Amino acid sequence: MNRPAADIDAFKAAALRCPLPSAVELIGEKWAFLILRGALNGLQHFEEFQGGLGIARNILSDRLAKLVVGEILARTPDAADRRKVVYSLTAKGEALLPVVLALRQWGEDWGHGRQELVLVDRSNGRPVRRICVQGADGRELGLHDLTWVERTPADCSKPLAAE
């Protein structure tokens, strides 16, 4: 099926404005993602990341700096030892938890590794629900249930996280 040139041009224009490429540029590289995973799991010091990931020091230093500039991590002096630095997740970094969890679930589902550890709700010890796309009414949606439309002025007044 051939698409009209106007459809392809509209797709191209939308692709150029899409936030996905810049997000992938910031966190999509293997080591950046593993550093993010480490931070989500409580790693805070350079030595912890280096030992826990087996990453070369120069690569770790570069990726940490990029995540700080991208406001995924904050870099502050360690109150217990002023010679050390603490890398902590910002709100922007914590907001990546569903992304990391969804990618992990996808990897397990499609044969890219499996761990015996599962993420559970601390309050009741039960595994968290799987990440999925849901409609406003809570129904699980698949690719064929979805379409892109122009954002209306009313949509622009709502925070994106509420969608």
N, C-alpha and C. Protein backbone atom coordinates (compact mmCIF):
# COMPACT_ATOMS: atom_id res chain seq x y z
N MET A 1 0.85 -1.18 0.00
CA MET A 1 0.00 0.00 0.00
C MET A 1 0.90 1.24 0.00
N ASN A 2 0.73 2.10 -1.00
CA ASN A 2 1.49 3.34 -1.07
C ASN A 2 0.76 4.45 -0.34
N ARG A 3 1.50 5.20 0.42
CA ARG A 3 0.92 6.33 1.14
C ARG A 3 1.08 7.58 0.29
N PRO A 4 0.10 8.47 0.34
CA PRO A 4 0.24 9.73 -0.39
C PRO A 4 1.44 10.53 0.13
N ALA A 5 2.06 11.30 -0.75
CA ALA A 5 3.24 12.10 -0.37
C ALA A 5 2.92 13.04 0.78
N ALA A 6 1.70 13.55 0.83
CA ALA A 6 1.32 14.46 1.92
C ALA A 6 1.38 13.75 3.27
N ASP A 7 1.01 12.45 3.31
CA ASP A 7 1.08 11.67 4.55
C ASP A 7 2.53 11.49 4.98
N ILE A 8 3.40 11.19 4.02
CA ILE A 8 4.82 11.01 4.32
C ILE A 8 5.43 12.32 4.80
N ASP A 9 5.07 13.44 4.17
CA ASP A 9 5.58 14.75 4.59
C ASP A 9 5.11 15.09 6.00
N ALA A 10 3.85 14.78 6.30
CA ALA A 10 3.33 15.04 7.65
C ALA A 10 4.05 14.16 8.67
N PHE A 11 4.32 12.90 8.30
CA PHE A 11 5.06 12.01 9.19
C PHE A 11 6.46 12.55 9.44
N LYS A 12 7.12 13.00 8.40
CA LYS A 12 8.47 13.55 8.53
C LYS A 12 8.48 14.78 9.42
N ALA A 13 7.52 15.68 9.22
CA ALA A 13 7.45 16.89 10.05
C ALA A 13 7.23 16.52 11.52
N ALA A 14 6.37 15.56 11.78
CA ALA A 14 6.12 15.12 13.16
C ALA A 14 7.36 14.45 13.73
N ALA A 15 8.05 13.65 12.92
CA ALA A 15 9.26 12.96 13.38
C ALA A 15 10.34 13.95 13.80
N LEU A 16 10.45 15.04 13.08
CA LEU A 16 11.46 16.05 13.40
C LEU A 16 11.16 16.79 14.71
N ARG A 17 9.90 16.81 15.12
CA ARG A 17 9.51 17.45 16.39
C ARG A 17 9.39 16.45 17.53
N CYS A 18 9.52 15.17 17.25
CA CYS A 18 9.31 14.11 18.23
C CYS A 18 10.36 14.17 19.35
N PRO A 19 9.94 14.03 20.61
CA PRO A 19 10.89 14.05 21.72
C PRO A 19 11.69 12.75 21.87
N LEU A 20 11.31 11.70 21.17
CA LEU A 20 11.97 10.41 21.32
C LEU A 20 13.46 10.43 20.96
N PRO A 21 13.88 11.00 19.82
CA PRO A 21 15.31 10.98 19.51
C PRO A 21 16.19 11.66 20.56
N SER A 22 15.77 12.80 21.08
CA SER A 22 16.61 13.47 22.09
C SER A 22 16.62 12.69 23.40
N ALA A 23 15.52 12.03 23.73
CA ALA A 23 15.49 11.20 24.94
C ALA A 23 16.42 10.00 24.78
N VAL A 24 16.39 9.38 23.61
CA VAL A 24 17.27 8.24 23.35
C VAL A 24 18.72 8.70 23.34
N GLU A 25 18.98 9.87 22.81
CA GLU A 25 20.34 10.42 22.80
C GLU A 25 20.88 10.54 24.23
N LEU A 26 20.03 10.92 25.16
CA LEU A 26 20.45 11.11 26.55
C LEU A 26 20.62 9.80 27.31
N ILE A 27 19.67 8.90 27.19
CA ILE A 27 19.71 7.69 28.02
C ILE A 27 19.77 6.38 27.26
N GLY A 28 19.76 6.43 25.93
CA GLY A 28 19.64 5.21 25.15
C GLY A 28 20.90 4.40 24.97
N GLU A 29 22.03 4.95 25.31
CA GLU A 29 23.29 4.24 25.17
C GLU A 29 23.41 3.22 26.30
N LYS A 30 24.02 2.06 26.02
CA LYS A 30 24.07 0.95 26.98
C LYS A 30 24.54 1.38 28.37
N TRP A 31 25.69 2.05 28.45
CA TRP A 31 26.24 2.38 29.77
C TRP A 31 25.38 3.40 30.49
N ALA A 32 24.82 4.36 29.77
CA ALA A 32 23.94 5.35 30.41
C ALA A 32 22.73 4.64 31.02
N PHE A 33 22.20 3.68 30.29
CA PHE A 33 21.03 2.95 30.79
C PHE A 33 21.39 2.11 32.00
N LEU A 34 22.56 1.49 31.97
CA LEU A 34 22.98 0.68 33.12
C LEU A 34 23.28 1.55 34.34
N ILE A 35 23.82 2.74 34.13
CA ILE A 35 24.03 3.67 35.23
C ILE A 35 22.68 4.08 35.81
N LEU A 36 21.73 4.38 34.95
CA LEU A 36 20.38 4.72 35.40
C LEU A 36 19.78 3.57 36.20
N ARG A 37 19.91 2.35 35.70
CA ARG A 37 19.42 1.17 36.42
C ARG A 37 20.09 1.06 37.79
N GLY A 38 21.42 1.31 37.83
CA GLY A 38 22.14 1.28 39.10
C GLY A 38 21.63 2.33 40.08
N ALA A 39 21.39 3.54 39.57
CA ALA A 39 20.88 4.61 40.43
C ALA A 39 19.48 4.27 40.95
N LEU A 40 18.65 3.69 40.10
CA LEU A 40 17.31 3.28 40.53
C LEU A 40 17.38 2.19 41.60
N ASN A 41 18.50 1.47 41.63
CA ASN A 41 18.70 0.42 42.61
C ASN A 41 19.59 0.85 43.78
N GLY A 42 19.82 2.15 43.92
CA GLY A 42 20.48 2.66 45.10
C GLY A 42 21.97 2.96 45.00
N LEU A 43 22.60 2.73 43.85
CA LEU A 43 24.01 3.09 43.73
C LEU A 43 24.13 4.61 43.74
N GLN A 44 25.17 5.13 44.43
CA GLN A 44 25.30 6.58 44.54
C GLN A 44 26.72 7.10 44.31
N HIS A 45 27.72 6.29 44.56
CA HIS A 45 29.10 6.75 44.46
C HIS A 45 29.77 6.20 43.21
N PHE A 46 30.72 6.96 42.69
CA PHE A 46 31.47 6.56 41.50
C PHE A 46 31.98 5.13 41.63
N GLU A 47 32.57 4.82 42.78
CA GLU A 47 33.15 3.50 43.00
C GLU A 47 32.09 2.40 42.96
N GLU A 48 30.89 2.70 43.46
CA GLU A 48 29.80 1.72 43.42
C GLU A 48 29.39 1.43 41.98
N PHE A 49 29.23 2.49 41.19
CA PHE A 49 28.88 2.30 39.79
C PHE A 49 29.98 1.53 39.06
N GLN A 50 31.22 1.92 39.31
CA GLN A 50 32.35 1.30 38.63
C GLN A 50 32.45 -0.19 38.98
N GLY A 51 32.39 -0.50 40.25
CA GLY A 51 32.47 -1.89 40.68
C GLY A 51 31.24 -2.70 40.31
N GLY A 52 30.07 -2.10 40.45
CA GLY A 52 28.82 -2.82 40.18
C GLY A 52 28.54 -3.04 38.71
N LEU A 53 29.12 -2.21 37.86
CA LEU A 53 28.87 -2.33 36.42
C LEU A 53 30.07 -2.86 35.65
N GLY A 54 31.26 -2.79 36.24
CA GLY A 54 32.45 -3.21 35.54
C GLY A 54 32.79 -2.31 34.37
N ILE A 55 32.46 -1.05 34.47
CA ILE A 55 32.66 -0.07 33.41
C ILE A 55 34.01 0.62 33.59
N ALA A 56 34.66 0.94 32.51
CA ALA A 56 35.93 1.67 32.58
C ALA A 56 35.70 3.05 33.20
N ARG A 57 36.65 3.50 33.97
CA ARG A 57 36.52 4.76 34.71
C ARG A 57 36.27 5.96 33.78
N ASN A 58 36.96 6.01 32.65
CA ASN A 58 36.78 7.16 31.75
C ASN A 58 35.39 7.17 31.13
N ILE A 59 34.88 6.01 30.79
CA ILE A 59 33.53 5.92 30.22
C ILE A 59 32.50 6.26 31.28
N LEU A 60 32.68 5.75 32.49
CA LEU A 60 31.76 6.06 33.59
C LEU A 60 31.74 7.56 33.86
N SER A 61 32.90 8.17 33.93
CA SER A 61 32.99 9.61 34.19
C SER A 61 32.24 10.40 33.12
N ASP A 62 32.43 10.02 31.86
CA ASP A 62 31.76 10.69 30.75
C ASP A 62 30.24 10.53 30.84
N ARG A 63 29.76 9.31 31.08
CA ARG A 63 28.31 9.05 31.12
C ARG A 63 27.66 9.72 32.33
N LEU A 64 28.33 9.69 33.47
CA LEU A 64 27.79 10.39 34.65
C LEU A 64 27.65 11.87 34.37
N ALA A 65 28.66 12.46 33.75
CA ALA A 65 28.61 13.89 33.43
C ALA A 65 27.44 14.20 32.51
N LYS A 66 27.23 13.36 31.50
CA LYS A 66 26.10 13.58 30.57
C LYS A 66 24.76 13.46 31.28
N LEU A 67 24.65 12.51 32.21
CA LEU A 67 23.39 12.34 32.94
C LEU A 67 23.15 13.50 33.91
N VAL A 68 24.22 14.09 34.42
CA VAL A 68 24.09 15.28 35.27
C VAL A 68 23.66 16.48 34.42
N VAL A 69 24.31 16.69 33.28
CA VAL A 69 23.95 17.79 32.38
C VAL A 69 22.51 17.62 31.90
N GLY A 70 22.10 16.38 31.64
CA GLY A 70 20.73 16.09 31.20
C GLY A 70 19.71 16.12 32.33
N GLU A 71 20.16 16.42 33.54
CA GLU A 71 19.31 16.53 34.74
C GLU A 71 18.61 15.23 35.11
N ILE A 72 19.24 14.10 34.78
CA ILE A 72 18.76 12.79 35.20
C ILE A 72 19.32 12.49 36.59
N LEU A 73 20.58 12.87 36.80
CA LEU A 73 21.26 12.72 38.09
C LEU A 73 21.70 14.08 38.60
N ALA A 74 21.73 14.20 39.92
CA ALA A 74 22.31 15.38 40.57
C ALA A 74 23.63 14.96 41.20
N ARG A 75 24.60 15.85 41.15
CA ARG A 75 25.94 15.58 41.69
C ARG A 75 26.16 16.51 42.88
N THR A 76 26.32 15.94 44.08
CA THR A 76 26.52 16.74 45.29
C THR A 76 27.65 16.15 46.13
N PRO A 77 28.33 17.00 46.92
CA PRO A 77 29.36 16.47 47.81
C PRO A 77 28.75 15.52 48.84
N ASP A 78 29.47 14.48 49.19
CA ASP A 78 29.03 13.53 50.20
C ASP A 78 29.23 14.17 51.57
N ALA A 79 28.17 14.30 52.33
CA ALA A 79 28.25 14.92 53.65
C ALA A 79 29.15 14.14 54.60
N ALA A 80 29.24 12.84 54.42
CA ALA A 80 30.05 12.00 55.30
C ALA A 80 31.54 12.05 54.93
N ASP A 81 31.84 12.34 53.69
CA ASP A 81 33.23 12.37 53.22
C ASP A 81 33.32 13.37 52.08
N ARG A 82 33.77 14.58 52.37
CA ARG A 82 33.78 15.67 51.40
C ARG A 82 34.66 15.38 50.18
N ARG A 83 35.50 14.34 50.24
CA ARG A 83 36.31 13.98 49.08
C ARG A 83 35.49 13.20 48.06
N LYS A 84 34.33 12.70 48.47
CA LYS A 84 33.49 11.90 47.58
C LYS A 84 32.31 12.73 47.08
N VAL A 85 31.70 12.20 46.02
CA VAL A 85 30.53 12.82 45.41
C VAL A 85 29.39 11.81 45.44
N VAL A 86 28.18 12.32 45.66
CA VAL A 86 26.98 11.48 45.62
C VAL A 86 26.23 11.81 44.33
N TYR A 87 25.89 10.78 43.59
CA TYR A 87 25.04 10.92 42.40
C TYR A 87 23.66 10.41 42.79
N SER A 88 22.68 11.30 42.73
CA SER A 88 21.32 10.90 43.12
C SER A 88 20.36 11.23 41.98
N LEU A 89 19.32 10.45 41.90
CA LEU A 89 18.31 10.67 40.88
C LEU A 89 17.55 11.97 41.14
N THR A 90 17.30 12.71 40.09
CA THR A 90 16.43 13.87 40.17
C THR A 90 14.99 13.36 39.95
N ALA A 91 14.02 14.24 40.06
CA ALA A 91 12.63 13.84 39.75
C ALA A 91 12.54 13.37 38.30
N LYS A 92 13.27 14.03 37.41
CA LYS A 92 13.31 13.64 36.00
C LYS A 92 13.89 12.24 35.85
N GLY A 93 14.90 11.93 36.63
CA GLY A 93 15.50 10.59 36.60
C GLY A 93 14.57 9.54 37.17
N GLU A 94 13.93 9.84 38.29
CA GLU A 94 12.99 8.89 38.90
C GLU A 94 11.82 8.60 37.97
N ALA A 95 11.45 9.59 37.15
CA ALA A 95 10.32 9.42 36.23
C ALA A 95 10.64 8.39 35.13
N LEU A 96 11.91 7.99 35.02
CA LEU A 96 12.29 6.97 34.04
C LEU A 96 12.06 5.54 34.53
N LEU A 97 11.63 5.37 35.77
CA LEU A 97 11.39 4.02 36.31
C LEU A 97 10.48 3.18 35.41
N PRO A 98 9.32 3.70 34.96
CA PRO A 98 8.47 2.87 34.10
C PRO A 98 9.16 2.49 32.78
N VAL A 99 10.01 3.36 32.26
CA VAL A 99 10.73 3.08 31.02
C VAL A 99 11.68 1.90 31.23
N VAL A 100 12.44 1.96 32.31
CA VAL A 100 13.40 0.90 32.61
C VAL A 100 12.67 -0.41 32.88
N LEU A 101 11.60 -0.36 33.65
CA LEU A 101 10.84 -1.57 33.96
C LEU A 101 10.20 -2.16 32.70
N ALA A 102 9.64 -1.31 31.84
CA ALA A 102 9.03 -1.81 30.60
C ALA A 102 10.07 -2.46 29.72
N LEU A 103 11.25 -1.88 29.61
CA LEU A 103 12.30 -2.47 28.78
C LEU A 103 12.79 -3.80 29.36
N ARG A 104 12.88 -3.86 30.68
CA ARG A 104 13.27 -5.12 31.33
C ARG A 104 12.22 -6.20 31.04
N GLN A 105 10.94 -5.86 31.20
CA GLN A 105 9.88 -6.83 30.95
C GLN A 105 9.90 -7.29 29.49
N TRP A 106 10.12 -6.36 28.58
CA TRP A 106 10.21 -6.71 27.16
C TRP A 106 11.37 -7.68 26.94
N GLY A 107 12.52 -7.38 27.54
CA GLY A 107 13.70 -8.24 27.40
C GLY A 107 13.44 -9.65 27.91
N GLU A 108 12.78 -9.76 29.06
CA GLU A 108 12.45 -11.08 29.59
C GLU A 108 11.47 -11.82 28.68
N ASP A 109 10.46 -11.09 28.19
CA ASP A 109 9.44 -11.72 27.34
C ASP A 109 10.01 -12.24 26.02
N TRP A 110 11.00 -11.55 25.49
CA TRP A 110 11.52 -11.88 24.17
C TRP A 110 12.90 -12.54 24.21
N GLY A 111 13.23 -13.13 25.34
CA GLY A 111 14.42 -13.98 25.42
C GLY A 111 15.75 -13.26 25.50
N HIS A 112 15.77 -12.09 26.07
CA HIS A 112 17.03 -11.34 26.20
C HIS A 112 17.55 -11.37 27.64
N GLY A 113 17.30 -12.45 28.33
CA GLY A 113 17.75 -12.59 29.71
C GLY A 113 16.59 -12.67 30.67
N ARG A 114 16.88 -13.21 31.83
CA ARG A 114 15.85 -13.35 32.86
C ARG A 114 16.54 -13.40 34.21
N GLN A 115 15.96 -12.70 35.17
CA GLN A 115 16.47 -12.76 36.53
C GLN A 115 15.41 -13.34 37.43
N GLU A 116 15.87 -13.90 38.53
CA GLU A 116 14.93 -14.45 39.50
C GLU A 116 14.37 -13.37 40.41
N LEU A 117 14.97 -12.19 40.39
CA LEU A 117 14.47 -11.08 41.19
C LEU A 117 13.28 -10.44 40.50
N VAL A 118 12.25 -10.13 41.28
CA VAL A 118 11.08 -9.42 40.75
C VAL A 118 10.87 -8.16 41.57
N LEU A 119 10.32 -7.15 40.94
CA LEU A 119 10.03 -5.89 41.63
C LEU A 119 8.69 -6.03 42.34
N VAL A 120 8.68 -5.73 43.65
CA VAL A 120 7.45 -5.88 44.43
C VAL A 120 7.10 -4.56 45.11
N ASP A 121 5.83 -4.44 45.46
CA ASP A 121 5.32 -3.31 46.23
C ASP A 121 5.80 -3.50 47.67
N ARG A 122 6.53 -2.52 48.17
CA ARG A 122 7.10 -2.62 49.52
C ARG A 122 6.02 -2.79 50.60
N SER A 123 4.84 -2.23 50.36
CA SER A 123 3.79 -2.27 51.39
C SER A 123 3.15 -3.64 51.55
N ASN A 124 3.11 -4.45 50.47
CA ASN A 124 2.45 -5.75 50.59
C ASN A 124 3.26 -6.91 50.04
N GLY A 125 4.43 -6.64 49.47
CA GLY A 125 5.29 -7.71 48.97
C GLY A 125 4.83 -8.36 47.67
N ARG A 126 3.78 -7.82 47.06
CA ARG A 126 3.25 -8.40 45.82
C ARG A 126 3.94 -7.79 44.61
N PRO A 127 4.17 -8.58 43.55
CA PRO A 127 4.81 -8.04 42.34
C PRO A 127 3.99 -6.89 41.75
N VAL A 128 4.71 -5.92 41.18
CA VAL A 128 4.03 -4.80 40.54
C VAL A 128 3.38 -5.29 39.24
N ARG A 129 2.36 -4.57 38.80
CA ARG A 129 1.70 -4.92 37.55
C ARG A 129 2.67 -4.70 36.39
N ARG A 130 2.43 -5.42 35.34
CA ARG A 130 3.23 -5.22 34.12
C ARG A 130 2.92 -3.85 33.53
N ILE A 131 3.92 -3.26 32.92
CA ILE A 131 3.75 -1.98 32.24
C ILE A 131 2.98 -2.24 30.95
N CYS A 132 1.97 -1.44 30.69
CA CYS A 132 1.22 -1.56 29.44
C CYS A 132 0.64 -0.19 29.09
N VAL A 133 0.20 -0.07 27.85
CA VAL A 133 -0.47 1.14 27.41
C VAL A 133 -1.94 0.98 27.77
N GLN A 134 -2.48 2.00 28.43
CA GLN A 134 -3.89 1.94 28.86
C GLN A 134 -4.65 3.16 28.35
N GLY A 135 -5.92 2.93 28.06
CA GLY A 135 -6.81 4.03 27.72
C GLY A 135 -7.17 4.79 28.99
N ALA A 136 -7.81 5.92 28.82
CA ALA A 136 -8.21 6.73 29.97
C ALA A 136 -9.13 5.96 30.91
N ASP A 137 -9.83 4.97 30.37
CA ASP A 137 -10.75 4.16 31.18
C ASP A 137 -10.07 2.93 31.79
N GLY A 138 -8.75 2.79 31.59
CA GLY A 138 -8.02 1.68 32.18
C GLY A 138 -7.89 0.45 31.31
N ARG A 139 -8.55 0.42 30.14
CA ARG A 139 -8.43 -0.73 29.24
C ARG A 139 -7.02 -0.82 28.70
N GLU A 140 -6.50 -2.05 28.59
CA GLU A 140 -5.21 -2.26 27.96
C GLU A 140 -5.38 -2.10 26.44
N LEU A 141 -4.48 -1.33 25.84
CA LEU A 141 -4.57 -1.04 24.41
C LEU A 141 -3.38 -1.62 23.67
N GLY A 142 -3.63 -2.11 22.46
CA GLY A 142 -2.57 -2.60 21.58
C GLY A 142 -2.31 -1.58 20.49
N LEU A 143 -1.32 -1.83 19.67
CA LEU A 143 -0.93 -0.91 18.61
C LEU A 143 -2.10 -0.54 17.71
N HIS A 144 -2.94 -1.51 17.37
CA HIS A 144 -4.04 -1.25 16.43
C HIS A 144 -5.20 -0.51 17.07
N ASP A 145 -5.13 -0.27 18.39
CA ASP A 145 -6.15 0.52 19.07
C ASP A 145 -5.78 2.00 19.12
N LEU A 146 -4.60 2.36 18.60
CA LEU A 146 -4.05 3.70 18.79
C LEU A 146 -3.89 4.46 17.49
N THR A 147 -3.94 5.78 17.59
CA THR A 147 -3.64 6.67 16.45
C THR A 147 -3.14 7.99 17.00
N TRP A 148 -2.36 8.70 16.21
CA TRP A 148 -1.86 10.02 16.60
C TRP A 148 -2.80 11.10 16.09
N VAL A 149 -3.08 12.09 16.91
CA VAL A 149 -3.88 13.25 16.50
C VAL A 149 -3.18 14.51 17.00
N GLU A 150 -3.50 15.64 16.38
CA GLU A 150 -2.94 16.91 16.83
C GLU A 150 -3.42 17.22 18.24
N ARG A 151 -2.52 17.74 19.04
CA ARG A 151 -2.86 18.15 20.40
C ARG A 151 -3.75 19.39 20.32
N THR A 152 -4.81 19.42 21.11
CA THR A 152 -5.70 20.58 21.13
C THR A 152 -5.20 21.57 22.18
N PRO A 153 -5.64 22.85 22.11
CA PRO A 153 -5.23 23.81 23.14
C PRO A 153 -5.58 23.34 24.56
N ALA A 154 -6.68 22.62 24.71
CA ALA A 154 -7.06 22.11 26.02
C ALA A 154 -6.04 21.07 26.51
N ASP A 155 -5.51 20.25 25.57
CA ASP A 155 -4.51 19.26 25.93
C ASP A 155 -3.23 19.94 26.41
N CYS A 156 -2.89 21.08 25.83
CA CYS A 156 -1.63 21.78 26.16
C CYS A 156 -1.65 22.33 27.58
N SER A 157 -2.83 22.54 28.14
CA SER A 157 -2.89 23.07 29.50
C SER A 157 -2.73 21.99 30.56
N LYS A 158 -2.82 20.70 30.14
CA LYS A 158 -2.67 19.60 31.07
C LYS A 158 -1.21 19.17 31.12
N PRO A 159 -0.72 18.77 32.30
CA PRO A 159 0.64 18.21 32.33
C PRO A 159 0.67 16.90 31.56
N LEU A 160 1.78 16.62 30.88
CA LEU A 160 1.89 15.40 30.07
C LEU A 160 1.75 14.15 30.92
N ALA A 161 2.21 14.19 32.16
CA ALA A 161 2.16 13.00 33.02
C ALA A 161 0.72 12.59 33.30
N ALA A 162 -0.22 13.51 33.19
CA ALA A 162 -1.63 13.19 33.49
C ALA A 162 -2.28 12.43 32.36
N GLU A 163 -1.65 12.41 31.19
CA GLU A 163 -2.25 11.74 30.04
C GLU A 163 -2.14 10.25 30.12
